[in-house]
Amino acid sequence: MKRCPTCNSTFDDEYLSYCTTDGTVLVRDKPSDSLELQETAIFGEPPPTVVMPPPRPTEYVPQVRNAPTPPAPYGWANESPPAWVAPPPPVPFRGITRPAQQGLAVASLIFGIISITFGWICGGPIFGLLAVVLGSVALMQIKKNPQQYTGKPVAIAGLITGGISLLVNLAVMALWIVMMIIGAASG
């Protein structure tokens, strides 16, 4: 217990060092005589310690019949012996595949169409002859190497249009020559 020498206030708190009223340093108070005169109470013997038996194990785990065995714990990757694994079979090299060519067949069809549409104006037999020649060459290439060259229907269409144009132009020329011979003979 502490006491303020100025205001004689007493404080039971041990952590206080100054008086809360006037701020004076607290002093320790002497123990009172009444505390010293008190007699010590004597108690009887303590009761004997009772020894308790240890706890029995509980049987909480249910009994499961035909339960699967738990899996083996995972180990490190290098714990198992290395096994040889065969490499996959090599992929066969098929070479570079080029797209099939049909340029001559398309050119034959274009010249055939030009010879039919504009052939009566000028150059009809020339375009028709080009269509027939290019169509024939395209069909020969397709027959020799069908994996590299395609466009057989286009080549046939160019050959037919060029042939029709060539036949019509030749018939017109033949008729023109006959008319010139008849005109020269009559005149």
C-alpha atoms as a PDB file:
ATOM      1  CA  MET A   1       0.000   0.000   0.000  1.00  0.00           C
ATOM      2  CA  LYS A   2       1.207   3.501  -0.812  1.00  0.00           C
ATOM      3  CA  ARG A   3       0.401   6.834   0.815  1.00  0.00           C
ATOM      4  CA  CYS A   4       0.634  10.492  -0.248  1.00  0.00           C
ATOM      5  CA  PRO A   5       2.610  12.517   2.339  1.00  0.00           C
ATOM      6  CA  THR A   6       0.784  15.755   1.401  1.00  0.00           C
ATOM      7  CA  CYS A   7      -2.901  14.772   1.325  1.00  0.00           C
ATOM      8  CA  ASN A   8      -2.603  11.448   3.249  1.00  0.00           C
ATOM      9  CA  SER A   9      -4.521   9.549   0.561  1.00  0.00           C
ATOM     10  CA  THR A  10      -3.800   5.833   0.383  1.00  0.00           C
ATOM     11  CA  PHE A  11      -3.529   3.833  -2.831  1.00  0.00           C
ATOM     12  CA  ASP A  12      -3.722   0.056  -3.160  1.00  0.00           C
ATOM     13  CA  ASP A  13      -2.404  -0.033  -6.721  1.00  0.00           C
ATOM     14  CA  GLU A  14       1.229  -1.035  -6.837  1.00  0.00           C
ATOM     15  CA  TYR A  15       1.834   0.518 -10.251  1.00  0.00           C
ATOM     16  CA  LEU A  16       1.134   4.095  -9.068  1.00  0.00           C
ATOM     17  CA  SER A  17       4.168   6.240  -8.250  1.00  0.00           C
ATOM     18  CA  TYR A  18       2.543   9.687  -7.926  1.00  0.00           C
ATOM     19  CA  CYS A  19      -0.573  10.914  -6.180  1.00  0.00           C
ATOM     20  CA  THR A  20      -3.533  11.322  -8.503  1.00  0.00           C
ATOM     21  CA  THR A  21      -4.803  14.340  -6.576  1.00  0.00           C
ATOM     22  CA  ASP A  22      -1.771  16.609  -6.173  1.00  0.00           C
ATOM     23  CA  GLY A  23       1.026  14.789  -8.075  1.00  0.00           C
ATOM     24  CA  THR A  24       3.307  14.202  -5.056  1.00  0.00           C
ATOM     25  CA  VAL A  25       5.570  11.155  -5.003  1.00  0.00           C
ATOM     26  CA  LEU A  26       3.931   8.338  -3.076  1.00  0.00           C
ATOM     27  CA  VAL A  27       5.709   6.590  -0.186  1.00  0.00           C
ATOM     28  CA  ARG A  28       5.273   3.065   1.009  1.00  0.00           C
ATOM     29  CA  ASP A  29       3.164   2.792   4.077  1.00  0.00           C
ATOM     30  CA  LYS A  30       4.298   0.611   7.024  1.00  0.00           C
ATOM     31  CA  PRO A  31       2.250  -2.482   7.580  1.00  0.00           C
ATOM     32  CA  SER A  32      -0.401  -1.899  10.153  1.00  0.00           C
ATOM     33  CA  ASP A  33      -0.262  -3.532  13.554  1.00  0.00           C
ATOM     34  CA  SER A  34      -3.606  -5.191  13.034  1.00  0.00           C
ATOM     35  CA  LEU A  35      -2.185  -7.329  10.258  1.00  0.00           C
ATOM     36  CA  GLU A  36       0.709  -8.451  12.407  1.00  0.00           C
ATOM     37  CA  LEU A  37      -1.490  -9.480  15.279  1.00  0.00           C
ATOM     38  CA  GLN A  38      -3.635 -11.804  13.247  1.00  0.00           C
ATOM     39  CA  GLU A  39      -3.089 -15.432  13.935  1.00  0.00           C
ATOM     40  CA  THR A  40      -2.436 -17.952  11.290  1.00  0.00           C
ATOM     41  CA  ALA A  41      -5.262 -20.368  10.766  1.00  0.00           C
ATOM     42  CA  ILE A  42      -4.264 -23.994  10.882  1.00  0.00           C
ATOM     43  CA  PHE A  43      -6.088 -26.300   8.629  1.00  0.00           C
ATOM     44  CA  GLY A  44      -6.352 -30.030   8.973  1.00  0.00           C
ATOM     45  CA  GLU A  45      -4.604 -32.569   6.831  1.00  0.00           C
ATOM     46  CA  PRO A  46      -5.426 -32.357   3.154  1.00  0.00           C
ATOM     47  CA  PRO A  47      -7.580 -35.144   1.816  1.00  0.00           C
ATOM     48  CA  PRO A  48      -5.715 -38.051   0.300  1.00  0.00           C
ATOM     49  CA  THR A  49      -5.132 -38.011  -3.443  1.00  0.00           C
ATOM     50  CA  VAL A  50      -7.435 -40.288  -5.310  1.00  0.00           C
ATOM     51  CA  VAL A  51      -5.774 -42.323  -8.017  1.00  0.00           C
ATOM     52  CA  MET A  52      -7.994 -42.615 -11.035  1.00  0.00           C
ATOM     53  CA  PRO A  53      -7.660 -45.520 -13.435  1.00  0.00           C
ATOM     54  CA  PRO A  54      -6.255 -44.710 -16.897  1.00  0.00           C
ATOM     55  CA  PRO A  55      -8.855 -44.111 -19.604  1.00  0.00           C
ATOM     56  CA  ARG A  56      -9.937 -47.067 -21.668  1.00  0.00           C
ATOM     57  CA  PRO A  57      -9.314 -46.901 -25.399  1.00  0.00           C
ATOM     58  CA  THR A  58     -12.426 -46.072 -27.340  1.00  0.00           C
ATOM     59  CA  GLU A  59     -13.592 -48.321 -30.125  1.00  0.00           C
ATOM     60  CA  TYR A  60     -14.826 -45.594 -32.412  1.00  0.00           C
ATOM     61  CA  VAL A  61     -13.398 -46.969 -35.651  1.00  0.00           C
ATOM     62  CA  PRO A  62     -16.193 -48.867 -37.423  1.00  0.00           C
ATOM     63  CA  GLN A  63     -15.391 -52.327 -38.669  1.00  0.00           C
ATOM     64  CA  VAL A  64     -15.727 -52.333 -42.474  1.00  0.00           C
ATOM     65  CA  ARG A  65     -15.623 -55.677 -44.186  1.00  0.00           C
ATOM     66  CA  ASN A  66     -13.980 -56.094 -47.600  1.00  0.00           C
ATOM     67  CA  ALA A  67     -12.604 -52.573 -47.507  1.00  0.00           C
ATOM     68  CA  PRO A  68     -10.030 -51.829 -50.224  1.00  0.00           C
ATOM     69  CA  THR A  69      -6.490 -51.473 -49.102  1.00  0.00           C
ATOM     70  CA  PRO A  70      -5.266 -47.908 -48.982  1.00  0.00           C
ATOM     71  CA  PRO A  71      -2.992 -46.906 -51.850  1.00  0.00           C
ATOM     72  CA  ALA A  72       0.727 -46.770 -51.365  1.00  0.00           C
ATOM     73  CA  PRO A  73       2.026 -43.318 -50.548  1.00  0.00           C
ATOM     74  CA  TYR A  74       3.584 -41.340 -53.326  1.00  0.00           C
ATOM     75  CA  GLY A  75       7.327 -41.438 -53.524  1.00  0.00           C
ATOM     76  CA  TRP A  76       9.961 -39.376 -55.224  1.00  0.00           C
ATOM     77  CA  ALA A  77      10.453 -39.643 -58.937  1.00  0.00           C
ATOM     78  CA  ASN A  78      13.900 -41.128 -58.590  1.00  0.00           C
ATOM     79  CA  GLU A  79      12.935 -43.838 -56.078  1.00  0.00           C
ATOM     80  CA  SER A  80      11.720 -46.301 -58.690  1.00  0.00           C
ATOM     81  CA  PRO A  81      14.214 -47.948 -61.018  1.00  0.00           C
ATOM     82  CA  PRO A  82      14.326 -46.344 -64.450  1.00  0.00           C
ATOM     83  CA  ALA A  83      12.457 -48.192 -67.149  1.00  0.00           C
ATOM     84  CA  TRP A  84      13.355 -48.023 -70.816  1.00  0.00           C
ATOM     85  CA  VAL A  85      10.579 -46.622 -72.961  1.00  0.00           C
ATOM     86  CA  ALA A  86      10.732 -47.186 -76.692  1.00  0.00           C
ATOM     87  CA  PRO A  87      10.719 -43.971 -78.734  1.00  0.00           C
ATOM     88  CA  PRO A  88       7.770 -43.394 -81.033  1.00  0.00           C
ATOM     89  CA  PRO A  89       8.189 -44.560 -84.613  1.00  0.00           C
ATOM     90  CA  PRO A  90       9.506 -41.924 -87.001  1.00  0.00           C
ATOM     91  CA  VAL A  91       7.043 -40.094 -89.173  1.00  0.00           C
ATOM     92  CA  PRO A  92       7.641 -40.988 -92.820  1.00  0.00           C
ATOM     93  CA  PHE A  93       8.695 -38.077 -94.997  1.00  0.00           C
ATOM     94  CA  ARG A  94       6.301 -37.738 -97.875  1.00  0.00           C
ATOM     95  CA  GLY A  95       8.136 -34.920 -99.556  1.00  0.00           C
ATOM     96  CA  ILE A  96       6.891 -31.511-100.367  1.00  0.00           C
ATOM     97  CA  THR A  97       3.424 -31.613-101.818  1.00  0.00           C
ATOM     98  CA  ARG A  98       2.844 -29.045-104.469  1.00  0.00           C
ATOM     99  CA  PRO A  99      -0.580 -27.918-105.467  1.00  0.00           C
ATOM    100  CA  ALA A 100      -1.804 -29.519-108.667  1.00  0.00           C
ATOM    101  CA  GLN A 101      -1.272 -27.438-111.792  1.00  0.00           C
ATOM    102  CA  GLN A 102      -4.022 -26.740-114.258  1.00  0.00           C
ATOM    103  CA  GLY A 103      -2.636 -23.657-115.983  1.00  0.00           C
ATOM    104  CA  LEU A 104      -2.661 -25.087-119.545  1.00  0.00           C
ATOM    105  CA  ALA A 105      -6.221 -26.338-119.135  1.00  0.00           C
ATOM    106  CA  VAL A 106      -7.421 -22.908-117.958  1.00  0.00           C
ATOM    107  CA  ALA A 107      -5.536 -21.149-120.786  1.00  0.00           C
ATOM    108  CA  SER A 108      -7.162 -23.531-123.288  1.00  0.00           C
ATOM    109  CA  LEU A 109     -10.628 -22.675-121.955  1.00  0.00           C
ATOM    110  CA  ILE A 110      -9.913 -18.923-122.004  1.00  0.00           C
ATOM    111  CA  PHE A 111      -8.676 -19.018-125.625  1.00  0.00           C
ATOM    112  CA  GLY A 112     -11.689 -21.157-126.600  1.00  0.00           C
ATOM    113  CA  ILE A 113     -14.133 -18.637-125.104  1.00  0.00           C
ATOM    114  CA  ILE A 114     -12.315 -15.716-126.756  1.00  0.00           C
ATOM    115  CA  SER A 115     -12.375 -17.487-130.128  1.00  0.00           C
ATOM    116  CA  ILE A 116     -16.149 -18.067-129.905  1.00  0.00           C
ATOM    117  CA  THR A 117     -17.090 -14.605-128.656  1.00  0.00           C
ATOM    118  CA  PHE A 118     -14.640 -12.352-130.525  1.00  0.00           C
ATOM    119  CA  GLY A 119     -13.401 -14.741-133.220  1.00  0.00           C
ATOM    120  CA  TRP A 120     -15.775 -13.476-135.908  1.00  0.00           C
ATOM    121  CA  ILE A 121     -14.260  -9.961-135.523  1.00  0.00           C
ATOM    122  CA  CYS A 122     -10.578 -10.788-135.839  1.00  0.00           C
ATOM    123  CA  GLY A 123      -8.159 -13.576-134.972  1.00  0.00           C
ATOM    124  CA  GLY A 124     -10.822 -16.266-134.580  1.00  0.00           C
ATOM    125  CA  PRO A 125      -8.858 -19.092-136.192  1.00  0.00           C
ATOM    126  CA  ILE A 126      -5.701 -18.167-134.267  1.00  0.00           C
ATOM    127  CA  PHE A 127      -7.455 -18.239-130.861  1.00  0.00           C
ATOM    128  CA  GLY A 128      -9.296 -21.440-131.795  1.00  0.00           C
ATOM    129  CA  LEU A 129      -6.044 -23.121-132.878  1.00  0.00           C
ATOM    130  CA  LEU A 130      -4.356 -22.024-129.603  1.00  0.00           C
ATOM    131  CA  ALA A 131      -7.292 -23.423-127.581  1.00  0.00           C
ATOM    132  CA  VAL A 132      -7.104 -26.801-129.388  1.00  0.00           C
ATOM    133  CA  VAL A 133      -3.299 -27.087-129.028  1.00  0.00           C
ATOM    134  CA  LEU A 134      -3.223 -26.067-125.331  1.00  0.00           C
ATOM    135  CA  GLY A 135      -6.176 -28.353-124.495  1.00  0.00           C
ATOM    136  CA  SER A 136      -4.457 -31.310-126.186  1.00  0.00           C
ATOM    137  CA  VAL A 137      -1.152 -30.670-124.355  1.00  0.00           C
ATOM    138  CA  ALA A 138      -3.001 -30.318-121.009  1.00  0.00           C
ATOM    139  CA  LEU A 139      -4.811 -33.637-121.550  1.00  0.00           C
ATOM    140  CA  MET A 140      -1.495 -35.380-122.352  1.00  0.00           C
ATOM    141  CA  GLN A 141       0.113 -33.988-119.172  1.00  0.00           C
ATOM    142  CA  ILE A 142      -2.875 -35.041-117.064  1.00  0.00           C
ATOM    143  CA  LYS A 143      -2.717 -38.551-118.528  1.00  0.00           C
ATOM    144  CA  LYS A 144       1.048 -38.904-117.829  1.00  0.00           C
ATOM    145  CA  ASN A 145       1.103 -37.447-114.291  1.00  0.00           C
ATOM    146  CA  PRO A 146      -2.370 -37.118-112.693  1.00  0.00           C
ATOM    147  CA  GLN A 147      -0.940 -36.236-109.243  1.00  0.00           C
ATOM    148  CA  GLN A 148       0.796 -33.115-110.541  1.00  0.00           C
ATOM    149  CA  TYR A 149      -1.642 -31.958-113.235  1.00  0.00           C
ATOM    150  CA  THR A 150      -5.415 -31.618-112.880  1.00  0.00           C
ATOM    151  CA  GLY A 151      -8.239 -29.881-114.671  1.00  0.00           C
ATOM    152  CA  LYS A 152      -9.309 -32.542-117.159  1.00  0.00           C
ATOM    153  CA  PRO A 153     -12.888 -31.165-117.530  1.00  0.00           C
ATOM    154  CA  VAL A 154     -11.522 -27.634-118.056  1.00  0.00           C
ATOM    155  CA  ALA A 155      -9.086 -28.865-120.725  1.00  0.00           C
ATOM    156  CA  ILE A 156     -11.880 -30.763-122.509  1.00  0.00           C
ATOM    157  CA  ALA A 157     -14.135 -27.673-122.418  1.00  0.00           C
ATOM    158  CA  GLY A 158     -11.311 -25.528-123.881  1.00  0.00           C
ATOM    159  CA  LEU A 159     -10.625 -28.167-126.569  1.00  0.00           C
ATOM    160  CA  ILE A 160     -14.314 -28.302-127.542  1.00  0.00           C
ATOM    161  CA  THR A 161     -14.835 -24.511-127.652  1.00  0.00           C
ATOM    162  CA  GLY A 162     -11.601 -24.000-129.628  1.00  0.00           C
ATOM    163  CA  GLY A 163     -12.541 -26.824-132.017  1.00  0.00           C
ATOM    164  CA  ILE A 164     -16.048 -25.460-132.615  1.00  0.00           C
ATOM    165  CA  SER A 165     -14.674 -21.976-133.235  1.00  0.00           C
ATOM    166  CA  LEU A 166     -11.983 -23.343-135.560  1.00  0.00           C
ATOM    167  CA  LEU A 167     -14.520 -25.398-137.558  1.00  0.00           C
ATOM    168  CA  VAL A 168     -16.926 -22.452-137.882  1.00  0.00           C
ATOM    169  CA  ASN A 169     -14.118 -20.124-138.980  1.00  0.00           C
ATOM    170  CA  LEU A 170     -12.809 -22.674-141.507  1.00  0.00           C
ATOM    171  CA  ALA A 171     -16.355 -23.133-142.900  1.00  0.00           C
ATOM    172  CA  VAL A 172     -16.760 -19.361-143.256  1.00  0.00           C
ATOM    173  CA  MET A 173     -13.364 -19.130-145.026  1.00  0.00           C
ATOM    174  CA  ALA A 174     -14.241 -21.990-147.346  1.00  0.00           C
ATOM    175  CA  LEU A 175     -17.558 -20.336-148.158  1.00  0.00           C
ATOM    176  CA  TRP A 176     -15.764 -17.032-148.751  1.00  0.00           C
ATOM    177  CA  ILE A 177     -13.235 -18.684-151.116  1.00  0.00           C
ATOM    178  CA  VAL A 178     -16.038 -20.418-153.040  1.00  0.00           C
ATOM    179  CA  MET A 179     -17.879 -17.121-153.338  1.00  0.00           C
ATOM    180  CA  MET A 180     -14.736 -15.406-154.632  1.00  0.00           C
ATOM    181  CA  ILE A 181     -14.220 -18.134-157.247  1.00  0.00           C
ATOM    182  CA  ILE A 182     -17.838 -17.852-158.351  1.00  0.00           C
ATOM    183  CA  GLY A 183     -17.582 -14.065-158.462  1.00  0.00           C
ATOM    184  CA  ALA A 184     -14.328 -14.215-160.515  1.00  0.00           C
ATOM    185  CA  ALA A 185     -15.781 -16.760-162.924  1.00  0.00           C
ATOM    186  CA  SER A 186     -18.948 -14.781-163.538  1.00  0.00           C
ATOM    187  CA  GLY A 187     -17.306 -11.596-164.049  1.00  0.00           C
END
